[in-house]
Amino acid sequence: MNIVEISFVVKMMGELLHYVPVTLALAVSSLLLAMVIGIAGSILEKRGPYWLRRGIALYVLLGRAIPTMIMLYLVYFGLPLFLLAIKEEYGLTIIGMEKVPSFMLAMLALTLHTGAYLIKVFESAFLSVDKGQMEAGVATGLSVWQTYRQIVFPQAFLYAIPLLANQFLGLIKGTSIVFVISVVEILGAAKVACAESYRYLETYLAAALIYWAFSIVFEYLFAWAERYWGTYRRGRAQLC
């Protein structure tokens, strides 16, 4: 008696691959938006006004303390109530929540959760760059923001790549929870397939193999990006 029917696993992998774009779109878009939060937040937490620095510190504390599932529920159920309260209080309709797809709410929740971690990632990356680089840039007449953009960030990004890889792989696995708000990705499709076929082991094994393949591919991609960025930075330094 075969415990696992390989042919069924292969068949299910073929079906689940149709939902790969949803998983990748969620993970990539959430990471890119979280990087914006991370870069801006790490700079403003150091150089912003006091009230903003305290606000960012609170966001980081809460964002890293709240589980992803709870963050997803807070956005999915809390955002409509917040917008409804604004409408009732001020008579202002910002957006009709019935028109917002669940995919966008899932992306927002994953972005907020990941952004809290990336603030600390980029904060560490910026600290890895010698502070003399900032002083030298300002001394040559560049503004603080120009110095960050042209001198500090390109060097800090190299230090951040390995941690970004970890966060991205975590995001890919984190997308598996969005099925609870009706966004069907790889694991959500596997659950639907299980309800139809009752072949739980083979179906979840197929999903696990896809996630495993994701991890291998993106680990190699991030390792290549780290080598490429390091070579690029060294080449730029030699030209200067």
C-alpha atoms as a PDB file:
ATOM      1  CA  MET A   1       0.000   0.000   0.000  1.00  0.00           C
ATOM      2  CA  ASN A   2       1.422   3.331  -1.064  1.00  0.00           C
ATOM      3  CA  ILE A   3       1.161   6.002   1.614  1.00  0.00           C
ATOM      4  CA  VAL A   4       1.726   8.764  -0.939  1.00  0.00           C
ATOM      5  CA  GLU A   5       0.520   8.611  -4.517  1.00  0.00           C
ATOM      6  CA  ILE A   6       3.238  10.464  -6.428  1.00  0.00           C
ATOM      7  CA  SER A   7       1.099  10.971  -9.520  1.00  0.00           C
ATOM      8  CA  PHE A   8      -1.532  12.770  -7.456  1.00  0.00           C
ATOM      9  CA  VAL A   9       1.139  14.963  -5.844  1.00  0.00           C
ATOM     10  CA  VAL A  10       2.403  15.949  -9.292  1.00  0.00           C
ATOM     11  CA  LYS A  11      -1.148  16.621 -10.456  1.00  0.00           C
ATOM     12  CA  MET A  12      -1.846  18.830  -7.440  1.00  0.00           C
ATOM     13  CA  MET A  13       1.405  20.735  -7.933  1.00  0.00           C
ATOM     14  CA  GLY A  14       0.252  21.547 -11.456  1.00  0.00           C
ATOM     15  CA  GLU A  15      -3.057  22.862 -10.139  1.00  0.00           C
ATOM     16  CA  LEU A  16      -1.525  24.842  -7.288  1.00  0.00           C
ATOM     17  CA  LEU A  17       0.968  26.507  -9.618  1.00  0.00           C
ATOM     18  CA  HIS A  18      -1.939  28.534 -11.006  1.00  0.00           C
ATOM     19  CA  TYR A  19      -2.004  30.402  -7.672  1.00  0.00           C
ATOM     20  CA  VAL A  20       1.711  31.183  -7.595  1.00  0.00           C
ATOM     21  CA  PRO A  21       1.153  34.663  -9.129  1.00  0.00           C
ATOM     22  CA  VAL A  22      -1.138  35.596  -6.223  1.00  0.00           C
ATOM     23  CA  THR A  23       1.442  34.512  -3.645  1.00  0.00           C
ATOM     24  CA  LEU A  24       4.298  36.257  -5.450  1.00  0.00           C
ATOM     25  CA  ALA A  25       2.301  39.446  -6.037  1.00  0.00           C
ATOM     26  CA  LEU A  26       1.439  39.645  -2.347  1.00  0.00           C
ATOM     27  CA  ALA A  27       4.988  38.949  -1.187  1.00  0.00           C
ATOM     28  CA  VAL A  28       6.778  41.221  -3.673  1.00  0.00           C
ATOM     29  CA  SER A  29       4.395  44.171  -3.359  1.00  0.00           C
ATOM     30  CA  SER A  30       4.376  43.925   0.444  1.00  0.00           C
ATOM     31  CA  LEU A  31       8.175  43.790   0.574  1.00  0.00           C
ATOM     32  CA  LEU A  32       8.603  46.812  -1.716  1.00  0.00           C
ATOM     33  CA  LEU A  33       6.122  48.902   0.260  1.00  0.00           C
ATOM     34  CA  ALA A  34       7.636  47.729   3.550  1.00  0.00           C
ATOM     35  CA  MET A  35      11.072  48.772   2.270  1.00  0.00           C
ATOM     36  CA  VAL A  36       9.750  52.308   1.783  1.00  0.00           C
ATOM     37  CA  ILE A  37       8.496  52.267   5.375  1.00  0.00           C
ATOM     38  CA  GLY A  38      11.750  50.748   6.577  1.00  0.00           C
ATOM     39  CA  ILE A  39      14.057  53.221   4.856  1.00  0.00           C
ATOM     40  CA  ALA A  40      11.991  56.303   5.701  1.00  0.00           C
ATOM     41  CA  GLY A  41      11.268  55.134   9.236  1.00  0.00           C
ATOM     42  CA  SER A  42      14.904  54.317  10.041  1.00  0.00           C
ATOM     43  CA  ILE A  43      16.035  57.757   8.877  1.00  0.00           C
ATOM     44  CA  LEU A  44      13.214  59.705  10.515  1.00  0.00           C
ATOM     45  CA  GLU A  45      13.570  57.788  13.783  1.00  0.00           C
ATOM     46  CA  LYS A  46      17.096  59.151  13.964  1.00  0.00           C
ATOM     47  CA  ARG A  47      16.663  62.624  12.465  1.00  0.00           C
ATOM     48  CA  GLY A  48      12.971  63.461  12.765  1.00  0.00           C
ATOM     49  CA  PRO A  49      11.264  65.621  15.385  1.00  0.00           C
ATOM     50  CA  TYR A  50      10.751  64.154  18.833  1.00  0.00           C
ATOM     51  CA  TRP A  51       7.042  63.361  18.414  1.00  0.00           C
ATOM     52  CA  LEU A  52       7.712  61.546  15.138  1.00  0.00           C
ATOM     53  CA  ARG A  53      10.586  59.546  16.603  1.00  0.00           C
ATOM     54  CA  ARG A  54       8.356  58.461  19.488  1.00  0.00           C
ATOM     55  CA  GLY A  55       5.584  57.520  17.063  1.00  0.00           C
ATOM     56  CA  ILE A  56       7.923  55.418  14.939  1.00  0.00           C
ATOM     57  CA  ALA A  57       9.321  53.711  18.036  1.00  0.00           C
ATOM     58  CA  LEU A  58       5.765  52.839  19.127  1.00  0.00           C
ATOM     59  CA  TYR A  59       4.917  51.515  15.661  1.00  0.00           C
ATOM     60  CA  VAL A  60       8.017  49.303  15.667  1.00  0.00           C
ATOM     61  CA  LEU A  61       7.178  48.011  19.155  1.00  0.00           C
ATOM     62  CA  LEU A  62       3.573  47.163  18.278  1.00  0.00           C
ATOM     63  CA  GLY A  63       4.282  45.987  14.737  1.00  0.00           C
ATOM     64  CA  ARG A  64       6.815  43.419  15.906  1.00  0.00           C
ATOM     65  CA  ALA A  65       4.754  42.336  18.916  1.00  0.00           C
ATOM     66  CA  ILE A  66       1.453  41.706  17.103  1.00  0.00           C
ATOM     67  CA  PRO A  67       1.179  38.356  15.268  1.00  0.00           C
ATOM     68  CA  THR A  68       0.638  38.577  11.526  1.00  0.00           C
ATOM     69  CA  MET A  69      -2.798  36.975  11.771  1.00  0.00           C
ATOM     70  CA  ILE A  70      -3.982  39.569  14.286  1.00  0.00           C
ATOM     71  CA  MET A  71      -2.575  42.373  12.137  1.00  0.00           C
ATOM     72  CA  LEU A  72      -4.540  40.953   9.208  1.00  0.00           C
ATOM     73  CA  TYR A  73      -7.765  40.900  11.226  1.00  0.00           C
ATOM     74  CA  LEU A  74      -7.157  44.418  12.568  1.00  0.00           C
ATOM     75  CA  VAL A  75      -6.801  45.779   9.050  1.00  0.00           C
ATOM     76  CA  TYR A  76      -9.652  43.736   7.583  1.00  0.00           C
ATOM     77  CA  PHE A  77     -12.176  44.496  10.307  1.00  0.00           C
ATOM     78  CA  GLY A  78     -10.744  47.674  11.842  1.00  0.00           C
ATOM     79  CA  LEU A  79     -10.088  49.793   8.759  1.00  0.00           C
ATOM     80  CA  PRO A  80     -13.741  49.797   7.591  1.00  0.00           C
ATOM     81  CA  LEU A  81     -14.884  50.818  11.085  1.00  0.00           C
ATOM     82  CA  PHE A  82     -12.271  53.568  11.211  1.00  0.00           C
ATOM     83  CA  LEU A  83     -13.378  54.966   7.862  1.00  0.00           C
ATOM     84  CA  LEU A  84     -17.032  54.678   8.897  1.00  0.00           C
ATOM     85  CA  ALA A  85     -16.280  56.664  12.060  1.00  0.00           C
ATOM     86  CA  ILE A  86     -14.658  59.401   9.964  1.00  0.00           C
ATOM     87  CA  LYS A  87     -17.688  59.481   7.696  1.00  0.00           C
ATOM     88  CA  GLU A  88     -20.122  59.774  10.613  1.00  0.00           C
ATOM     89  CA  GLU A  89     -18.035  62.357  12.469  1.00  0.00           C
ATOM     90  CA  TYR A  90     -17.014  64.605   9.593  1.00  0.00           C
ATOM     91  CA  GLY A  91     -19.310  63.548   6.768  1.00  0.00           C
ATOM     92  CA  LEU A  92     -16.244  62.656   4.725  1.00  0.00           C
ATOM     93  CA  THR A  93     -16.209  59.554   2.562  1.00  0.00           C
ATOM     94  CA  ILE A  94     -12.599  58.647   1.841  1.00  0.00           C
ATOM     95  CA  ILE A  95     -13.284  55.416  -0.002  1.00  0.00           C
ATOM     96  CA  GLY A  96     -16.060  52.874  -0.190  1.00  0.00           C
ATOM     97  CA  MET A  97     -14.702  49.854   1.662  1.00  0.00           C
ATOM     98  CA  GLU A  98     -16.991  47.563  -0.297  1.00  0.00           C
ATOM     99  CA  LYS A  99     -14.906  48.467  -3.343  1.00  0.00           C
ATOM    100  CA  VAL A 100     -11.582  47.575  -1.757  1.00  0.00           C
ATOM    101  CA  PRO A 101     -10.522  44.035  -2.717  1.00  0.00           C
ATOM    102  CA  SER A 102      -9.425  41.679   0.013  1.00  0.00           C
ATOM    103  CA  PHE A 103      -6.096  41.365  -1.797  1.00  0.00           C
ATOM    104  CA  MET A 104      -5.340  45.041  -1.102  1.00  0.00           C
ATOM    105  CA  LEU A 105      -6.227  44.690   2.578  1.00  0.00           C
ATOM    106  CA  ALA A 106      -4.017  41.608   2.847  1.00  0.00           C
ATOM    107  CA  MET A 107      -1.163  43.502   1.190  1.00  0.00           C
ATOM    108  CA  LEU A 108      -1.633  46.404   3.610  1.00  0.00           C
ATOM    109  CA  ALA A 109      -1.542  44.112   6.649  1.00  0.00           C
ATOM    110  CA  LEU A 110       1.582  42.299   5.465  1.00  0.00           C
ATOM    111  CA  THR A 111       3.223  45.624   4.617  1.00  0.00           C
ATOM    112  CA  LEU A 112       2.550  47.106   8.062  1.00  0.00           C
ATOM    113  CA  HIS A 113       3.806  43.992   9.803  1.00  0.00           C
ATOM    114  CA  THR A 114       6.967  43.688   7.695  1.00  0.00           C
ATOM    115  CA  GLY A 115       7.646  47.434   7.727  1.00  0.00           C
ATOM    116  CA  ALA A 116       8.145  47.371  11.500  1.00  0.00           C
ATOM    117  CA  TYR A 117      10.921  44.807  11.089  1.00  0.00           C
ATOM    118  CA  LEU A 118      12.525  46.567   8.132  1.00  0.00           C
ATOM    119  CA  ILE A 119      12.885  49.798  10.096  1.00  0.00           C
ATOM    120  CA  LYS A 120      15.260  47.946  12.380  1.00  0.00           C
ATOM    121  CA  VAL A 121      16.903  46.177   9.438  1.00  0.00           C
ATOM    122  CA  PHE A 122      17.765  49.451   7.715  1.00  0.00           C
ATOM    123  CA  GLU A 123      18.653  51.107  10.998  1.00  0.00           C
ATOM    124  CA  SER A 124      21.304  48.421  11.518  1.00  0.00           C
ATOM    125  CA  ALA A 125      22.407  48.713   7.891  1.00  0.00           C
ATOM    126  CA  PHE A 126      22.859  52.502   8.184  1.00  0.00           C
ATOM    127  CA  LEU A 127      24.837  52.039  11.396  1.00  0.00           C
ATOM    128  CA  SER A 128      27.138  49.656   9.528  1.00  0.00           C
ATOM    129  CA  VAL A 129      28.287  52.550   7.350  1.00  0.00           C
ATOM    130  CA  ASP A 130      31.052  54.638   8.908  1.00  0.00           C
ATOM    131  CA  LYS A 131      29.567  57.880  10.215  1.00  0.00           C
ATOM    132  CA  GLY A 132      32.486  59.673   8.613  1.00  0.00           C
ATOM    133  CA  GLN A 133      30.802  59.010   5.271  1.00  0.00           C
ATOM    134  CA  MET A 134      27.887  61.223   6.303  1.00  0.00           C
ATOM    135  CA  GLU A 135      30.193  63.911   7.642  1.00  0.00           C
ATOM    136  CA  ALA A 136      32.271  63.856   4.459  1.00  0.00           C
ATOM    137  CA  GLY A 137      29.180  64.155   2.275  1.00  0.00           C
ATOM    138  CA  VAL A 138      27.830  67.127   4.197  1.00  0.00           C
ATOM    139  CA  ALA A 139      31.295  68.725   4.180  1.00  0.00           C
ATOM    140  CA  THR A 140      31.361  68.612   0.374  1.00  0.00           C
ATOM    141  CA  GLY A 141      28.136  70.617   0.205  1.00  0.00           C
ATOM    142  CA  LEU A 142      25.565  67.837  -0.089  1.00  0.00           C
ATOM    143  CA  SER A 143      22.418  68.029   1.983  1.00  0.00           C
ATOM    144  CA  VAL A 144      21.653  65.325   4.520  1.00  0.00           C
ATOM    145  CA  TRP A 145      19.129  63.700   2.187  1.00  0.00           C
ATOM    146  CA  GLN A 146      21.509  63.860  -0.788  1.00  0.00           C
ATOM    147  CA  THR A 147      24.236  62.273   1.325  1.00  0.00           C
ATOM    148  CA  TYR A 148      21.893  59.459   2.349  1.00  0.00           C
ATOM    149  CA  ARG A 149      20.784  58.863  -1.236  1.00  0.00           C
ATOM    150  CA  GLN A 150      24.151  59.102  -2.989  1.00  0.00           C
ATOM    151  CA  ILE A 151      26.634  57.851  -0.383  1.00  0.00           C
ATOM    152  CA  VAL A 152      25.134  56.147   2.662  1.00  0.00           C
ATOM    153  CA  PHE A 153      22.210  54.173   1.233  1.00  0.00           C
ATOM    154  CA  PRO A 154      24.114  52.394  -1.576  1.00  0.00           C
ATOM    155  CA  GLN A 155      26.570  51.082   1.012  1.00  0.00           C
ATOM    156  CA  ALA A 156      23.924  50.281   3.620  1.00  0.00           C
ATOM    157  CA  PHE A 157      21.789  48.384   1.101  1.00  0.00           C
ATOM    158  CA  LEU A 158      24.554  45.803   0.679  1.00  0.00           C
ATOM    159  CA  TYR A 159      24.419  45.062   4.431  1.00  0.00           C
ATOM    160  CA  ALA A 160      20.626  44.886   4.316  1.00  0.00           C
ATOM    161  CA  ILE A 161      20.296  42.347   1.486  1.00  0.00           C
ATOM    162  CA  PRO A 162      20.715  39.165   3.605  1.00  0.00           C
ATOM    163  CA  LEU A 163      18.126  40.404   6.109  1.00  0.00           C
ATOM    164  CA  LEU A 164      15.797  41.411   3.279  1.00  0.00           C
ATOM    165  CA  ALA A 165      16.100  37.855   1.969  1.00  0.00           C
ATOM    166  CA  ASN A 166      14.982  36.495   5.344  1.00  0.00           C
ATOM    167  CA  GLN A 167      12.048  38.877   5.464  1.00  0.00           C
ATOM    168  CA  PHE A 168      10.990  38.023   1.917  1.00  0.00           C
ATOM    169  CA  LEU A 169      11.062  34.289   2.557  1.00  0.00           C
ATOM    170  CA  GLY A 170       9.039  34.927   5.698  1.00  0.00           C
ATOM    171  CA  LEU A 171       6.578  36.967   3.666  1.00  0.00           C
ATOM    172  CA  ILE A 172       6.088  34.145   1.172  1.00  0.00           C
ATOM    173  CA  LYS A 173       5.177  31.840   4.037  1.00  0.00           C
ATOM    174  CA  GLY A 174       3.145  34.621   5.666  1.00  0.00           C
ATOM    175  CA  THR A 175       0.880  34.875   2.635  1.00  0.00           C
ATOM    176  CA  SER A 176      -0.532  31.489   3.619  1.00  0.00           C
ATOM    177  CA  ILE A 177      -2.779  33.136   6.223  1.00  0.00           C
ATOM    178  CA  VAL A 178      -4.632  35.483   3.855  1.00  0.00           C
ATOM    179  CA  PHE A 179      -7.076  32.722   2.918  1.00  0.00           C
ATOM    180  CA  VAL A 180      -8.988  33.639   6.089  1.00  0.00           C
ATOM    181  CA  ILE A 181     -10.117  36.860   4.375  1.00  0.00           C
ATOM    182  CA  SER A 182     -10.975  35.083   1.105  1.00  0.00           C
ATOM    183  CA  VAL A 183      -7.727  35.673  -0.771  1.00  0.00           C
ATOM    184  CA  VAL A 184      -6.962  32.354  -2.457  1.00  0.00           C
ATOM    185  CA  GLU A 185      -3.226  31.727  -2.788  1.00  0.00           C
ATOM    186  CA  ILE A 186      -1.248  28.484  -2.753  1.00  0.00           C
ATOM    187  CA  LEU A 187      -2.271  27.211   0.675  1.00  0.00           C
ATOM    188  CA  GLY A 188      -5.826  28.499   0.258  1.00  0.00           C
ATOM    189  CA  ALA A 189      -6.138  26.593  -3.006  1.00  0.00           C
ATOM    190  CA  ALA A 190      -4.726  23.506  -1.275  1.00  0.00           C
ATOM    191  CA  LYS A 191      -7.403  23.735   1.417  1.00  0.00           C
ATOM    192  CA  VAL A 192     -10.117  23.972  -1.229  1.00  0.00           C
ATOM    193  CA  ALA A 193      -8.642  20.970  -3.045  1.00  0.00           C
ATOM    194  CA  CYS A 194      -8.563  18.981   0.208  1.00  0.00           C
ATOM    195  CA  ALA A 195     -12.237  19.686   0.797  1.00  0.00           C
ATOM    196  CA  GLU A 196     -13.009  18.253  -2.636  1.00  0.00           C
ATOM    197  CA  SER A 197     -10.671  15.256  -2.773  1.00  0.00           C
ATOM    198  CA  TYR A 198      -9.994  14.428   0.905  1.00  0.00           C
ATOM    199  CA  ARG A 199      -6.394  13.724  -0.149  1.00  0.00           C
ATOM    200  CA  TYR A 200      -4.837  15.823   2.594  1.00  0.00           C
ATOM    201  CA  LEU A 201      -1.345  14.352   2.685  1.00  0.00           C
ATOM    202  CA  GLU A 202      -0.660  14.517  -1.047  1.00  0.00           C
ATOM    203  CA  THR A 203      -2.210  17.966  -1.414  1.00  0.00           C
ATOM    204  CA  TYR A 204      -0.296  19.577   1.428  1.00  0.00           C
ATOM    205  CA  LEU A 205       2.876  17.797   0.314  1.00  0.00           C
ATOM    206  CA  ALA A 206       2.428  19.383  -3.118  1.00  0.00           C
ATOM    207  CA  ALA A 207       2.027  22.811  -1.496  1.00  0.00           C
ATOM    208  CA  ALA A 208       5.096  22.203   0.694  1.00  0.00           C
ATOM    209  CA  LEU A 209       7.209  21.311  -2.335  1.00  0.00           C
ATOM    210  CA  ILE A 210       6.205  24.554  -4.056  1.00  0.00           C
ATOM    211  CA  TYR A 211       7.139  26.614  -0.990  1.00  0.00           C
ATOM    212  CA  TRP A 212      10.415  24.699  -0.771  1.00  0.00           C
ATOM    213  CA  ALA A 213      11.166  25.465  -4.412  1.00  0.00           C
ATOM    214  CA  PHE A 214      10.398  29.138  -3.728  1.00  0.00           C
ATOM    215  CA  SER A 215      12.898  29.179  -0.883  1.00  0.00           C
ATOM    216  CA  ILE A 216      15.678  27.634  -2.963  1.00  0.00           C
ATOM    217  CA  VAL A 217      15.129  29.924  -5.955  1.00  0.00           C
ATOM    218  CA  PHE A 218      14.916  33.152  -3.971  1.00  0.00           C
ATOM    219  CA  GLU A 219      17.841  32.272  -1.726  1.00  0.00           C
ATOM    220  CA  TYR A 220      19.974  31.974  -4.865  1.00  0.00           C
ATOM    221  CA  LEU A 221      18.528  35.205  -6.276  1.00  0.00           C
ATOM    222  CA  PHE A 222      19.279  37.189  -3.140  1.00  0.00           C
ATOM    223  CA  ALA A 223      22.762  35.665  -2.909  1.00  0.00           C
ATOM    224  CA  TRP A 224      23.372  36.731  -6.524  1.00  0.00           C
ATOM    225  CA  ALA A 225      22.021  40.221  -5.776  1.00  0.00           C
ATOM    226  CA  GLU A 226      24.390  40.523  -2.820  1.00  0.00           C
ATOM    227  CA  ARG A 227      27.387  39.533  -4.941  1.00  0.00           C
ATOM    228  CA  TYR A 228      26.323  41.795  -7.803  1.00  0.00           C
ATOM    229  CA  TRP A 229      25.706  44.811  -5.569  1.00  0.00           C
ATOM    230  CA  GLY A 230      29.033  44.280  -3.817  1.00  0.00           C
ATOM    231  CA  THR A 231      30.867  44.099  -7.150  1.00  0.00           C
ATOM    232  CA  TYR A 232      29.001  47.158  -8.405  1.00  0.00           C
ATOM    233  CA  ARG A 233      29.898  49.153  -5.299  1.00  0.00           C
ATOM    234  CA  ARG A 234      33.559  48.155  -5.517  1.00  0.00           C
ATOM    235  CA  GLY A 235      33.609  49.135  -9.195  1.00  0.00           C
ATOM    236  CA  ARG A 236      32.101  52.527  -8.415  1.00  0.00           C
ATOM    237  CA  ALA A 237      34.630  53.071  -5.616  1.00  0.00           C
ATOM    238  CA  GLN A 238      37.557  52.314  -7.949  1.00  0.00           C
ATOM    239  CA  LEU A 239      36.218  54.754 -10.551  1.00  0.00           C
ATOM    240  CA  CYS A 240      36.017  57.463  -7.919  1.00  0.00           C
END
